[in-house]
Amino acid sequence: MTQVSCGYVLAMKIILAALLFVAPSAAAFAATTNSGPQPLGVFGDWTAASYGAGSAKACYAFTTAKTSDPALAGRGAVQLTVTQRKSAADEVTIAAGYTYPKTPTVTLTVGTTALDFYTQDQTAFTASGAAAISAFQAGATAVAKSSAPHGKTVTDTFSLTGFSGAYGALKKACP
């Protein structure tokens, strides 16, 4: 081999080694900056999806209220959601579609199981996600009674049809 071709081969080896070193990092970066949620499936009245990758990946299953009484003007979407992350498993929330008053009460009842929630802005959180999951798997409906603006109490009813399938999909995607 000539000196020029040896230099060329050495340069190609360095470039190839650099590409092999950079490619996994680029792939990981691309995976964490995906354009949005990735569907995991629709299970009865529940939808499951994931977002992100690696340690930042979150998986969630949600359903919207089948009924809300009384109807509140300007109320946003009302959703019951279960989220899995490495940092927080079985996080159960209710998106109220309005900002909770200063001293709200939020109770979600499934069959004979009543679960209390605490609130922040428009979201209510349960302190016992495991108890909620267990109740959801055994129940048919979940009924949330919440303090609403102007001293009202709102009752939202959620279907639990398909919850077990959606929960299984999110646990599989975010173990």
N, C-alpha and C. Protein backbone atom coordinates (compact mmCIF):
# COMPACT_ATOMS: atom_id res chain seq x y z
N MET A 1 0.84 -1.17 0.00
CA MET A 1 0.00 0.00 0.00
C MET A 1 0.88 1.23 0.00
N THR A 2 0.40 2.23 -0.67
CA THR A 2 1.14 3.48 -0.68
C THR A 2 0.79 4.28 0.55
N GLN A 3 1.59 5.32 0.78
CA GLN A 3 1.36 6.16 1.95
C GLN A 3 0.01 6.86 1.85
N VAL A 4 -0.43 7.29 0.66
CA VAL A 4 -1.70 7.97 0.49
C VAL A 4 -2.84 7.02 0.79
N SER A 5 -2.76 5.78 0.26
CA SER A 5 -3.86 4.85 0.50
C SER A 5 -3.91 4.42 1.95
N CYS A 6 -2.77 4.30 2.64
CA CYS A 6 -2.78 3.96 4.07
C CYS A 6 -3.44 5.08 4.86
N GLY A 7 -3.14 6.33 4.51
CA GLY A 7 -3.76 7.48 5.18
C GLY A 7 -5.26 7.50 4.93
N TYR A 8 -5.67 7.15 3.70
CA TYR A 8 -7.08 7.12 3.35
C TYR A 8 -7.80 6.05 4.17
N VAL A 9 -7.23 4.87 4.28
CA VAL A 9 -7.83 3.77 5.03
C VAL A 9 -7.94 4.15 6.50
N LEU A 10 -6.89 4.74 7.05
CA LEU A 10 -6.93 5.16 8.45
C LEU A 10 -8.02 6.21 8.67
N ALA A 11 -8.15 7.18 7.78
CA ALA A 11 -9.18 8.22 7.89
C ALA A 11 -10.57 7.59 7.82
N MET A 12 -10.77 6.62 6.94
CA MET A 12 -12.07 5.95 6.81
C MET A 12 -12.40 5.17 8.09
N LYS A 13 -11.39 4.53 8.68
CA LYS A 13 -11.62 3.80 9.93
C LYS A 13 -12.04 4.76 11.05
N ILE A 14 -11.40 5.91 11.11
CA ILE A 14 -11.74 6.90 12.14
C ILE A 14 -13.17 7.41 11.93
N ILE A 15 -13.51 7.72 10.67
CA ILE A 15 -14.86 8.20 10.37
C ILE A 15 -15.90 7.12 10.69
N LEU A 16 -15.62 5.88 10.32
CA LEU A 16 -16.54 4.78 10.61
C LEU A 16 -16.71 4.59 12.12
N ALA A 17 -15.61 4.64 12.86
CA ALA A 17 -15.69 4.50 14.31
C ALA A 17 -16.51 5.64 14.92
N ALA A 18 -16.31 6.85 14.42
CA ALA A 18 -17.07 7.99 14.93
C ALA A 18 -18.56 7.83 14.64
N LEU A 19 -18.89 7.36 13.44
CA LEU A 19 -20.29 7.15 13.09
C LEU A 19 -20.93 6.08 13.96
N LEU A 20 -20.19 5.02 14.22
CA LEU A 20 -20.72 3.95 15.08
C LEU A 20 -20.92 4.45 16.51
N PHE A 21 -20.09 5.37 16.93
CA PHE A 21 -20.22 5.93 18.28
C PHE A 21 -21.40 6.90 18.36
N VAL A 22 -21.60 7.70 17.32
CA VAL A 22 -22.63 8.74 17.31
C VAL A 22 -24.01 8.17 16.98
N ALA A 23 -24.11 7.15 16.17
CA ALA A 23 -25.40 6.64 15.70
C ALA A 23 -26.34 6.24 16.85
N PRO A 24 -25.89 5.48 17.85
CA PRO A 24 -26.82 5.15 18.94
C PRO A 24 -27.34 6.39 19.67
N SER A 25 -26.47 7.38 19.87
CA SER A 25 -26.90 8.61 20.53
C SER A 25 -27.93 9.34 19.68
N ALA A 26 -27.73 9.38 18.39
CA ALA A 26 -28.68 10.04 17.49
C ALA A 26 -30.01 9.31 17.50
N ALA A 27 -29.96 7.99 17.51
CA ALA A 27 -31.21 7.20 17.53
C ALA A 27 -31.96 7.43 18.84
N ALA A 28 -31.24 7.48 19.95
CA ALA A 28 -31.88 7.73 21.24
C ALA A 28 -32.49 9.12 21.28
N PHE A 29 -31.77 10.10 20.73
CA PHE A 29 -32.29 11.46 20.68
C PHE A 29 -33.56 11.51 19.83
N ALA A 30 -33.54 10.86 18.70
CA ALA A 30 -34.72 10.85 17.83
C ALA A 30 -35.90 10.18 18.52
N ALA A 31 -35.63 9.12 19.28
CA ALA A 31 -36.71 8.40 19.96
C ALA A 31 -37.33 9.25 21.07
N THR A 32 -36.53 10.08 21.74
CA THR A 32 -37.07 10.89 22.82
C THR A 32 -37.75 12.15 22.31
N THR A 33 -37.54 12.48 21.06
CA THR A 33 -38.16 13.69 20.51
C THR A 33 -39.22 13.32 19.48
N ASN A 34 -39.88 12.17 19.67
CA ASN A 34 -40.90 11.77 18.71
C ASN A 34 -41.99 12.83 18.68
N SER A 35 -42.77 12.83 17.65
CA SER A 35 -43.69 13.94 17.42
C SER A 35 -44.95 13.89 18.27
N GLY A 36 -45.17 12.86 19.01
CA GLY A 36 -46.38 12.84 19.83
C GLY A 36 -46.65 11.48 20.40
N PRO A 37 -47.83 11.32 20.96
CA PRO A 37 -48.21 10.05 21.58
C PRO A 37 -48.21 8.90 20.56
N GLN A 38 -47.83 7.74 21.04
CA GLN A 38 -47.85 6.53 20.23
C GLN A 38 -49.01 5.65 20.72
N PRO A 39 -49.98 5.35 19.87
CA PRO A 39 -51.15 4.57 20.32
C PRO A 39 -50.77 3.16 20.75
N LEU A 40 -51.39 2.72 21.83
CA LEU A 40 -51.25 1.33 22.29
C LEU A 40 -52.53 0.55 22.02
N GLY A 41 -53.63 1.27 21.77
CA GLY A 41 -54.89 0.60 21.42
C GLY A 41 -56.10 1.23 22.08
N VAL A 42 -57.25 0.85 21.55
CA VAL A 42 -58.54 1.24 22.12
C VAL A 42 -59.16 -0.02 22.69
N PHE A 43 -59.59 0.06 23.94
CA PHE A 43 -60.11 -1.09 24.66
C PHE A 43 -61.47 -0.69 25.25
N GLY A 44 -62.54 -1.05 24.58
CA GLY A 44 -63.86 -0.63 25.04
C GLY A 44 -63.95 0.88 25.06
N ASP A 45 -64.22 1.45 26.24
CA ASP A 45 -64.34 2.90 26.39
C ASP A 45 -63.02 3.57 26.77
N TRP A 46 -61.93 2.81 26.82
CA TRP A 46 -60.63 3.32 27.23
C TRP A 46 -59.66 3.34 26.06
N THR A 47 -58.77 4.33 26.05
CA THR A 47 -57.71 4.45 25.06
C THR A 47 -56.38 4.43 25.80
N ALA A 48 -55.40 3.71 25.25
CA ALA A 48 -54.07 3.64 25.86
C ALA A 48 -53.04 4.16 24.87
N ALA A 49 -52.02 4.84 25.39
CA ALA A 49 -50.96 5.40 24.55
C ALA A 49 -49.69 5.55 25.37
N SER A 50 -48.59 5.83 24.68
CA SER A 50 -47.32 6.12 25.35
C SER A 50 -46.75 7.40 24.76
N TYR A 51 -45.83 7.99 25.50
CA TYR A 51 -45.20 9.21 25.03
C TYR A 51 -43.76 9.21 25.53
N GLY A 52 -42.83 9.56 24.66
CA GLY A 52 -41.42 9.63 25.05
C GLY A 52 -40.74 8.29 24.92
N ALA A 53 -39.52 8.22 25.46
CA ALA A 53 -38.73 6.99 25.39
C ALA A 53 -37.77 6.93 26.57
N GLY A 54 -37.23 5.74 26.79
CA GLY A 54 -36.25 5.55 27.85
C GLY A 54 -36.82 5.89 29.21
N SER A 55 -36.00 6.53 30.04
CA SER A 55 -36.44 6.86 31.39
C SER A 55 -37.51 7.95 31.41
N ALA A 56 -37.69 8.65 30.30
CA ALA A 56 -38.71 9.71 30.21
C ALA A 56 -40.04 9.20 29.65
N LYS A 57 -40.12 7.90 29.35
CA LYS A 57 -41.34 7.36 28.75
C LYS A 57 -42.48 7.30 29.77
N ALA A 58 -43.65 7.70 29.32
CA ALA A 58 -44.86 7.62 30.13
C ALA A 58 -45.92 6.88 29.34
N CYS A 59 -46.70 6.06 30.02
CA CYS A 59 -47.80 5.34 29.39
C CYS A 59 -49.06 5.70 30.15
N TYR A 60 -50.15 5.85 29.42
CA TYR A 60 -51.38 6.24 30.07
C TYR A 60 -52.58 5.63 29.38
N ALA A 61 -53.64 5.51 30.16
CA ALA A 61 -54.94 5.04 29.65
C ALA A 61 -55.97 6.02 30.17
N PHE A 62 -56.93 6.36 29.33
CA PHE A 62 -57.92 7.34 29.75
C PHE A 62 -59.28 7.06 29.14
N THR A 63 -60.30 7.64 29.77
CA THR A 63 -61.67 7.61 29.28
C THR A 63 -62.30 8.96 29.60
N THR A 64 -63.31 9.32 28.85
CA THR A 64 -64.03 10.56 29.12
C THR A 64 -65.34 10.24 29.83
N ALA A 65 -65.86 11.23 30.54
CA ALA A 65 -67.10 11.03 31.28
C ALA A 65 -68.24 10.70 30.33
N LYS A 66 -69.03 9.71 30.68
CA LYS A 66 -70.22 9.36 29.90
C LYS A 66 -71.34 10.34 30.18
N THR A 67 -71.46 10.76 31.45
CA THR A 67 -72.46 11.75 31.83
C THR A 67 -71.84 12.70 32.86
N SER A 68 -72.34 13.93 32.85
CA SER A 68 -71.95 14.95 33.83
C SER A 68 -73.21 15.71 34.21
N ASP A 69 -73.44 15.84 35.54
CA ASP A 69 -74.65 16.52 35.99
C ASP A 69 -74.32 17.38 37.20
N PRO A 70 -74.66 18.66 37.20
CA PRO A 70 -75.30 19.40 36.13
C PRO A 70 -74.27 19.80 35.07
N ALA A 71 -74.76 20.16 33.91
CA ALA A 71 -73.89 20.67 32.85
C ALA A 71 -73.41 22.06 33.26
N LEU A 72 -72.12 22.32 33.11
CA LEU A 72 -71.56 23.63 33.44
C LEU A 72 -71.13 24.34 32.16
N ALA A 73 -71.58 25.55 31.97
CA ALA A 73 -71.21 26.32 30.78
C ALA A 73 -69.70 26.52 30.74
N GLY A 74 -69.10 26.31 29.58
CA GLY A 74 -67.67 26.53 29.39
C GLY A 74 -66.77 25.46 29.99
N ARG A 75 -67.34 24.37 30.43
CA ARG A 75 -66.54 23.30 31.03
C ARG A 75 -65.74 22.57 29.96
N GLY A 76 -64.47 22.31 30.24
CA GLY A 76 -63.62 21.57 29.33
C GLY A 76 -63.84 20.07 29.44
N ALA A 77 -62.94 19.32 28.81
CA ALA A 77 -63.02 17.86 28.80
C ALA A 77 -62.91 17.30 30.22
N VAL A 78 -63.68 16.26 30.49
CA VAL A 78 -63.67 15.58 31.79
C VAL A 78 -63.11 14.17 31.54
N GLN A 79 -61.94 13.88 32.11
CA GLN A 79 -61.29 12.61 31.85
C GLN A 79 -60.79 11.95 33.12
N LEU A 80 -60.85 10.63 33.11
CA LEU A 80 -60.27 9.79 34.15
C LEU A 80 -59.05 9.13 33.51
N THR A 81 -57.88 9.28 34.14
CA THR A 81 -56.63 8.82 33.53
C THR A 81 -55.80 8.03 34.53
N VAL A 82 -55.14 6.98 34.02
CA VAL A 82 -54.16 6.21 34.80
C VAL A 82 -52.83 6.34 34.05
N THR A 83 -51.77 6.74 34.76
CA THR A 83 -50.47 6.96 34.15
C THR A 83 -49.40 6.11 34.82
N GLN A 84 -48.49 5.57 34.00
CA GLN A 84 -47.33 4.81 34.48
C GLN A 84 -46.07 5.54 34.02
N ARG A 85 -45.15 5.77 34.94
CA ARG A 85 -43.81 6.29 34.64
C ARG A 85 -42.84 5.56 35.55
N LYS A 86 -41.56 5.64 35.21
CA LYS A 86 -40.57 5.03 36.10
C LYS A 86 -40.64 5.67 37.48
N SER A 87 -40.90 6.99 37.52
CA SER A 87 -40.91 7.72 38.79
C SER A 87 -42.25 7.63 39.53
N ALA A 88 -43.32 7.21 38.86
CA ALA A 88 -44.63 7.15 39.52
C ALA A 88 -45.51 6.11 38.83
N ALA A 89 -45.82 5.06 39.56
CA ALA A 89 -46.67 4.00 39.01
C ALA A 89 -48.11 4.21 39.48
N ASP A 90 -49.05 3.83 38.63
CA ASP A 90 -50.48 3.85 38.96
C ASP A 90 -50.96 5.20 39.49
N GLU A 91 -50.59 6.27 38.78
CA GLU A 91 -51.08 7.60 39.13
C GLU A 91 -52.46 7.77 38.51
N VAL A 92 -53.47 7.97 39.34
CA VAL A 92 -54.85 8.10 38.88
C VAL A 92 -55.30 9.55 39.07
N THR A 93 -55.79 10.15 37.98
CA THR A 93 -56.20 11.55 38.03
C THR A 93 -57.56 11.74 37.36
N ILE A 94 -58.21 12.83 37.76
CA ILE A 94 -59.43 13.27 37.11
C ILE A 94 -59.20 14.69 36.63
N ALA A 95 -59.39 14.92 35.35
CA ALA A 95 -59.35 16.28 34.80
C ALA A 95 -60.78 16.80 34.85
N ALA A 96 -61.01 17.85 35.62
CA ALA A 96 -62.37 18.33 35.89
C ALA A 96 -62.96 19.17 34.77
N GLY A 97 -62.11 19.84 34.00
CA GLY A 97 -62.63 20.74 32.98
C GLY A 97 -62.96 22.11 33.54
N TYR A 98 -62.65 22.33 34.81
CA TYR A 98 -62.78 23.63 35.47
C TYR A 98 -61.77 23.65 36.62
N THR A 99 -61.46 24.83 37.12
CA THR A 99 -60.56 24.94 38.27
C THR A 99 -61.37 24.67 39.53
N TYR A 100 -60.86 23.75 40.35
CA TYR A 100 -61.55 23.41 41.59
C TYR A 100 -61.58 24.63 42.52
N PRO A 101 -62.64 24.77 43.32
CA PRO A 101 -62.68 25.85 44.30
C PRO A 101 -61.60 25.66 45.37
N LYS A 102 -61.43 26.63 46.25
CA LYS A 102 -60.33 26.61 47.24
C LYS A 102 -60.35 25.41 48.18
N THR A 103 -61.48 24.97 48.64
CA THR A 103 -61.55 23.82 49.57
C THR A 103 -62.47 22.75 48.99
N PRO A 104 -62.00 22.07 47.94
CA PRO A 104 -62.86 21.10 47.27
C PRO A 104 -62.90 19.75 47.98
N THR A 105 -63.93 19.01 47.67
CA THR A 105 -63.97 17.60 48.00
C THR A 105 -64.19 16.86 46.69
N VAL A 106 -63.43 15.80 46.50
CA VAL A 106 -63.57 14.97 45.31
C VAL A 106 -63.52 13.52 45.78
N THR A 107 -64.59 12.79 45.52
CA THR A 107 -64.66 11.37 45.87
C THR A 107 -65.07 10.59 44.64
N LEU A 108 -64.33 9.53 44.35
CA LEU A 108 -64.64 8.64 43.24
C LEU A 108 -65.10 7.32 43.84
N THR A 109 -66.29 6.88 43.44
CA THR A 109 -66.85 5.64 43.98
C THR A 109 -66.97 4.60 42.88
N VAL A 110 -66.46 3.41 43.17
CA VAL A 110 -66.58 2.26 42.28
C VAL A 110 -67.20 1.15 43.12
N GLY A 111 -68.45 0.80 42.79
CA GLY A 111 -69.16 -0.17 43.63
C GLY A 111 -69.27 0.38 45.04
N THR A 112 -68.73 -0.35 46.03
CA THR A 112 -68.77 0.09 47.43
C THR A 112 -67.45 0.75 47.86
N THR A 113 -66.50 0.86 46.93
CA THR A 113 -65.20 1.46 47.25
C THR A 113 -65.22 2.95 46.96
N ALA A 114 -64.98 3.76 47.99
CA ALA A 114 -64.91 5.22 47.84
C ALA A 114 -63.46 5.65 47.97
N LEU A 115 -62.99 6.43 47.01
CA LEU A 115 -61.61 6.90 46.98
C LEU A 115 -61.60 8.43 47.04
N ASP A 116 -60.87 8.97 48.00
CA ASP A 116 -60.75 10.42 48.11
C ASP A 116 -59.60 10.92 47.24
N PHE A 117 -59.80 12.09 46.67
CA PHE A 117 -58.80 12.73 45.82
C PHE A 117 -58.45 14.09 46.40
N TYR A 118 -57.23 14.54 46.16
CA TYR A 118 -56.82 15.91 46.48
C TYR A 118 -56.67 16.65 45.16
N THR A 119 -56.68 17.97 45.19
CA THR A 119 -56.74 18.73 43.93
C THR A 119 -55.61 19.74 43.80
N GLN A 120 -55.35 20.07 42.55
CA GLN A 120 -54.47 21.19 42.19
C GLN A 120 -54.98 21.74 40.88
N ASP A 121 -55.42 22.97 40.89
CA ASP A 121 -55.97 23.64 39.71
C ASP A 121 -57.17 22.87 39.16
N GLN A 122 -57.01 22.26 37.97
CA GLN A 122 -58.12 21.54 37.32
C GLN A 122 -58.00 20.02 37.45
N THR A 123 -57.05 19.54 38.24
CA THR A 123 -56.79 18.11 38.32
C THR A 123 -56.95 17.60 39.74
N ALA A 124 -57.56 16.42 39.88
CA ALA A 124 -57.69 15.74 41.16
C ALA A 124 -56.83 14.48 41.10
N PHE A 125 -56.14 14.17 42.19
CA PHE A 125 -55.22 13.04 42.28
C PHE A 125 -55.62 12.15 43.45
N THR A 126 -55.52 10.83 43.27
CA THR A 126 -55.75 9.94 44.40
C THR A 126 -54.42 9.63 45.07
N ALA A 127 -54.46 9.46 46.37
CA ALA A 127 -53.27 9.08 47.12
C ALA A 127 -53.06 7.57 47.06
N SER A 128 -54.08 6.83 46.62
CA SER A 128 -53.99 5.37 46.59
C SER A 128 -54.30 4.84 45.19
N GLY A 129 -53.32 4.96 44.31
CA GLY A 129 -53.49 4.46 42.95
C GLY A 129 -53.75 2.97 42.91
N ALA A 130 -53.09 2.20 43.78
CA ALA A 130 -53.26 0.74 43.77
C ALA A 130 -54.70 0.37 44.12
N ALA A 131 -55.30 1.07 45.09
CA ALA A 131 -56.70 0.79 45.46
C ALA A 131 -57.63 1.16 44.31
N ALA A 132 -57.34 2.26 43.63
CA ALA A 132 -58.17 2.67 42.49
C ALA A 132 -58.10 1.64 41.36
N ILE A 133 -56.88 1.20 41.04
CA ILE A 133 -56.70 0.20 39.96
C ILE A 133 -57.48 -1.07 40.30
N SER A 134 -57.36 -1.53 41.52
CA SER A 134 -58.07 -2.74 41.95
C SER A 134 -59.58 -2.57 41.80
N ALA A 135 -60.09 -1.43 42.21
CA ALA A 135 -61.53 -1.16 42.08
C ALA A 135 -61.95 -1.08 40.62
N PHE A 136 -61.13 -0.41 39.79
CA PHE A 136 -61.45 -0.27 38.37
C PHE A 136 -61.53 -1.64 37.70
N GLN A 137 -60.63 -2.56 38.06
CA GLN A 137 -60.62 -3.88 37.43
C GLN A 137 -61.83 -4.71 37.82
N ALA A 138 -62.43 -4.41 38.96
CA ALA A 138 -63.59 -5.19 39.42
C ALA A 138 -64.92 -4.50 39.14
N GLY A 139 -64.88 -3.22 38.75
CA GLY A 139 -66.12 -2.46 38.62
C GLY A 139 -66.60 -2.27 37.20
N ALA A 140 -67.79 -1.69 37.09
CA ALA A 140 -68.39 -1.40 35.78
C ALA A 140 -68.42 0.11 35.50
N THR A 141 -68.60 0.90 36.57
CA THR A 141 -68.61 2.36 36.43
C THR A 141 -67.89 2.98 37.61
N ALA A 142 -67.40 4.20 37.39
CA ALA A 142 -66.79 5.00 38.44
C ALA A 142 -67.55 6.32 38.47
N VAL A 143 -67.98 6.74 39.65
CA VAL A 143 -68.76 7.96 39.78
C VAL A 143 -67.99 8.95 40.65
N ALA A 144 -67.66 10.10 40.06
CA ALA A 144 -66.94 11.15 40.77
C ALA A 144 -67.91 12.24 41.21
N LYS A 145 -67.86 12.58 42.48
CA LYS A 145 -68.64 13.71 43.01
C LYS A 145 -67.61 14.76 43.43
N SER A 146 -67.72 15.95 42.82
CA SER A 146 -66.72 16.99 43.02
C SER A 146 -67.35 18.33 43.34
N SER A 147 -66.65 19.09 44.18
CA SER A 147 -67.02 20.48 44.39
C SER A 147 -66.75 21.22 43.09
N ALA A 148 -67.68 22.09 42.73
CA ALA A 148 -67.55 22.86 41.50
C ALA A 148 -67.68 24.34 41.83
N PRO A 149 -67.41 25.19 40.86
CA PRO A 149 -67.57 26.62 41.10
C PRO A 149 -69.00 26.97 41.53
N HIS A 150 -69.13 28.07 42.26
CA HIS A 150 -70.42 28.63 42.69
C HIS A 150 -71.16 27.70 43.65
N GLY A 151 -70.42 26.90 44.44
CA GLY A 151 -71.03 26.08 45.47
C GLY A 151 -71.77 24.85 44.97
N LYS A 152 -71.62 24.53 43.72
CA LYS A 152 -72.31 23.36 43.15
C LYS A 152 -71.50 22.09 43.40
N THR A 153 -72.20 20.96 43.31
CA THR A 153 -71.56 19.65 43.30
C THR A 153 -71.84 19.04 41.94
N VAL A 154 -70.80 18.52 41.32
CA VAL A 154 -70.92 17.91 39.99
C VAL A 154 -70.72 16.41 40.13
N THR A 155 -71.53 15.64 39.42
CA THR A 155 -71.40 14.19 39.38
C THR A 155 -71.03 13.79 37.97
N ASP A 156 -69.85 13.13 37.83
CA ASP A 156 -69.38 12.63 36.54
C ASP A 156 -69.32 11.11 36.60
N THR A 157 -69.87 10.46 35.58
CA THR A 157 -69.88 9.00 35.54
C THR A 157 -68.99 8.52 34.40
N PHE A 158 -68.07 7.61 34.73
CA PHE A 158 -67.12 7.05 33.77
C PHE A 158 -67.36 5.56 33.61
N SER A 159 -67.29 5.08 32.37
CA SER A 159 -67.39 3.65 32.11
C SER A 159 -66.03 3.00 32.40
N LEU A 160 -66.06 1.82 32.97
CA LEU A 160 -64.83 1.05 33.18
C LEU A 160 -64.71 -0.09 32.19
N THR A 161 -65.61 -0.13 31.19
CA THR A 161 -65.56 -1.15 30.16
C THR A 161 -64.26 -1.01 29.36
N GLY A 162 -63.46 -2.05 29.35
CA GLY A 162 -62.19 -2.04 28.63
C GLY A 162 -61.01 -1.61 29.48
N PHE A 163 -61.25 -1.21 30.73
CA PHE A 163 -60.14 -0.74 31.56
C PHE A 163 -59.04 -1.79 31.71
N SER A 164 -59.39 -3.02 32.00
CA SER A 164 -58.38 -4.06 32.23
C SER A 164 -57.48 -4.24 31.01
N GLY A 165 -58.05 -4.22 29.81
CA GLY A 165 -57.25 -4.35 28.59
C GLY A 165 -56.32 -3.16 28.40
N ALA A 166 -56.84 -1.94 28.64
CA ALA A 166 -56.02 -0.73 28.50
C ALA A 166 -54.90 -0.72 29.54
N TYR A 167 -55.22 -1.12 30.76
CA TYR A 167 -54.22 -1.15 31.83
C TYR A 167 -53.14 -2.19 31.51
N GLY A 168 -53.55 -3.34 31.00
CA GLY A 168 -52.57 -4.36 30.60
C GLY A 168 -51.64 -3.84 29.52
N ALA A 169 -52.16 -3.08 28.56
CA ALA A 169 -51.33 -2.53 27.47
C ALA A 169 -50.33 -1.51 28.00
N LEU A 170 -50.76 -0.67 28.91
CA LEU A 170 -49.81 0.34 29.43
C LEU A 170 -48.77 -0.28 30.34
N LYS A 171 -49.15 -1.32 31.11
CA LYS A 171 -48.17 -2.01 31.95
C LYS A 171 -47.14 -2.75 31.10
N LYS A 172 -47.57 -3.27 29.97
CA LYS A 172 -46.65 -3.97 29.07
C LYS A 172 -45.67 -2.98 28.43
N ALA A 173 -46.18 -1.80 28.04
CA ALA A 173 -45.34 -0.80 27.38
C ALA A 173 -44.46 -0.04 28.36
N CYS A 174 -44.89 0.07 29.60
CA CYS A 174 -44.12 0.77 30.66
C CYS A 174 -44.07 -0.10 31.91
N PRO A 175 -43.28 -1.16 31.87
CA PRO A 175 -43.25 -2.09 33.01
C PRO A 175 -42.70 -1.45 34.29
